[in-house]
Amino acid sequence: MFSRDSDKKERSYTSSSVIGTEMQINGNIKCQGHLVLKGKVKGNIECENLNISSEGNLRGNIKSHQSVIGGNFEGDVFSESLAIESSANIKG
């Protein structure tokens, strides 16, 4: 009926992050959870799930479990699952 805080099980929640169309990042990104790229990134991205939207632009490498590329991408992909949308422009 009653329990101490130490007895509670920890819950892990998958977080989502968005790099908006007005953002430009120069540098590497490492995050947990899901990342949606709508802006521009020059650097490597490492995360659980990556979605490069049709507005997104990435010049760098991807390391993730699942990747969806729908925008501009130049680099290498290291992913267990990869989906390429018809709007994608890929060089690498």
Protein backbone atom coordinates (compact mmCIF):
# COMPACT_ATOMS: atom_id res chain seq x y z
CA MET A 1 0.00 0.00 0.00
CA PHE A 2 2.73 2.45 0.97
CA SER A 3 6.21 2.50 -0.45
CA ARG A 4 9.38 4.45 -0.09
CA ASP A 5 10.80 6.49 -2.97
CA SER A 6 13.64 4.00 -3.29
CA ASP A 7 11.11 1.23 -3.96
CA LYS A 8 9.58 2.98 -6.96
CA LYS A 9 10.57 1.75 -10.38
CA GLU A 10 12.18 4.31 -12.63
CA ARG A 11 10.35 5.02 -15.85
CA SER A 12 12.16 6.02 -18.99
CA TYR A 13 10.36 8.27 -21.41
CA THR A 14 11.42 8.83 -24.98
CA SER A 15 11.85 12.51 -25.63
CA SER A 16 11.42 14.38 -28.89
CA SER A 17 13.47 17.35 -30.03
CA VAL A 18 12.96 19.59 -33.05
CA ILE A 19 15.51 21.75 -34.85
CA GLY A 20 13.24 24.28 -36.53
CA THR A 21 13.44 25.80 -40.00
CA GLU A 22 14.88 29.04 -38.61
CA MET A 23 17.78 27.26 -36.88
CA GLN A 24 21.30 26.63 -38.20
CA ILE A 25 23.77 24.60 -36.13
CA ASN A 26 27.50 24.14 -36.78
CA GLY A 27 28.71 21.25 -34.63
CA ASN A 28 27.92 17.71 -33.59
CA ILE A 29 24.62 16.75 -31.95
CA LYS A 30 24.14 13.82 -29.59
CA CYS A 31 20.77 13.20 -27.99
CA GLN A 32 18.52 10.49 -26.66
CA GLY A 33 15.11 9.89 -28.13
CA HIS A 34 13.70 11.25 -31.36
CA LEU A 35 15.12 14.19 -33.32
CA VAL A 36 13.29 15.99 -36.13
CA LEU A 37 15.50 18.14 -38.35
CA LYS A 38 13.74 20.96 -40.21
CA GLY A 39 16.66 23.42 -40.16
CA LYS A 40 20.32 23.17 -41.18
CA VAL A 41 23.10 21.23 -39.45
CA LYS A 42 26.78 21.01 -40.37
CA GLY A 43 28.07 18.21 -38.17
CA ASN A 44 27.36 14.65 -37.12
CA ILE A 45 24.10 13.57 -35.48
CA GLU A 46 23.83 10.65 -33.05
CA CYS A 47 20.41 9.75 -31.65
CA GLU A 48 17.84 6.95 -31.29
CA ASN A 49 15.59 8.07 -34.17
CA LEU A 50 16.26 10.79 -36.73
CA ASN A 51 13.78 12.31 -39.15
CA ILE A 52 15.14 14.80 -41.69
CA SER A 53 12.04 16.56 -42.99
CA SER A 54 11.71 17.91 -46.53
CA GLU A 55 12.88 21.32 -45.23
CA GLY A 56 15.87 19.79 -43.40
CA ASN A 57 19.50 19.95 -44.47
CA LEU A 58 22.32 17.87 -42.97
CA ARG A 59 25.99 17.86 -43.96
CA GLY A 60 27.53 15.22 -41.73
CA ASN A 61 27.16 11.62 -40.66
CA ILE A 62 24.17 9.93 -39.04
CA LYS A 63 24.39 7.30 -36.31
CA SER A 64 20.97 6.09 -35.14
CA HIS A 65 18.70 3.09 -34.73
CA GLN A 66 16.12 4.42 -37.20
CA SER A 67 16.54 7.15 -39.81
CA VAL A 68 14.08 8.76 -42.20
CA ILE A 69 15.55 11.08 -44.83
CA GLY A 70 13.18 13.41 -46.64
CA GLY A 71 15.38 16.46 -47.12
CA ASN A 72 18.92 17.30 -48.22
CA PHE A 73 21.63 15.01 -46.85
CA GLU A 74 25.35 14.75 -47.56
CA GLY A 75 27.32 12.17 -45.57
CA ASP A 76 27.32 8.58 -44.36
CA VAL A 77 24.52 6.72 -42.55
CA PHE A 78 25.09 4.15 -39.81
CA SER A 79 21.55 3.02 -38.97
CA GLU A 80 19.72 -0.25 -38.29
CA SER A 81 16.71 0.96 -40.29
CA LEU A 82 16.71 3.54 -43.09
CA ALA A 83 13.75 5.00 -45.00
CA ILE A 84 14.24 7.40 -47.91
CA GLU A 85 11.31 9.59 -48.91
CA SER A 86 10.66 10.78 -52.46
CA SER A 87 11.52 14.37 -51.47
CA ALA A 88 15.06 13.35 -50.39
CA ASN A 89 18.23 14.62 -52.04
CA ILE A 90 21.17 12.44 -50.95
CA LYS A 91 24.87 12.68 -51.69
CA GLY A 92 27.29 10.37 -49.95
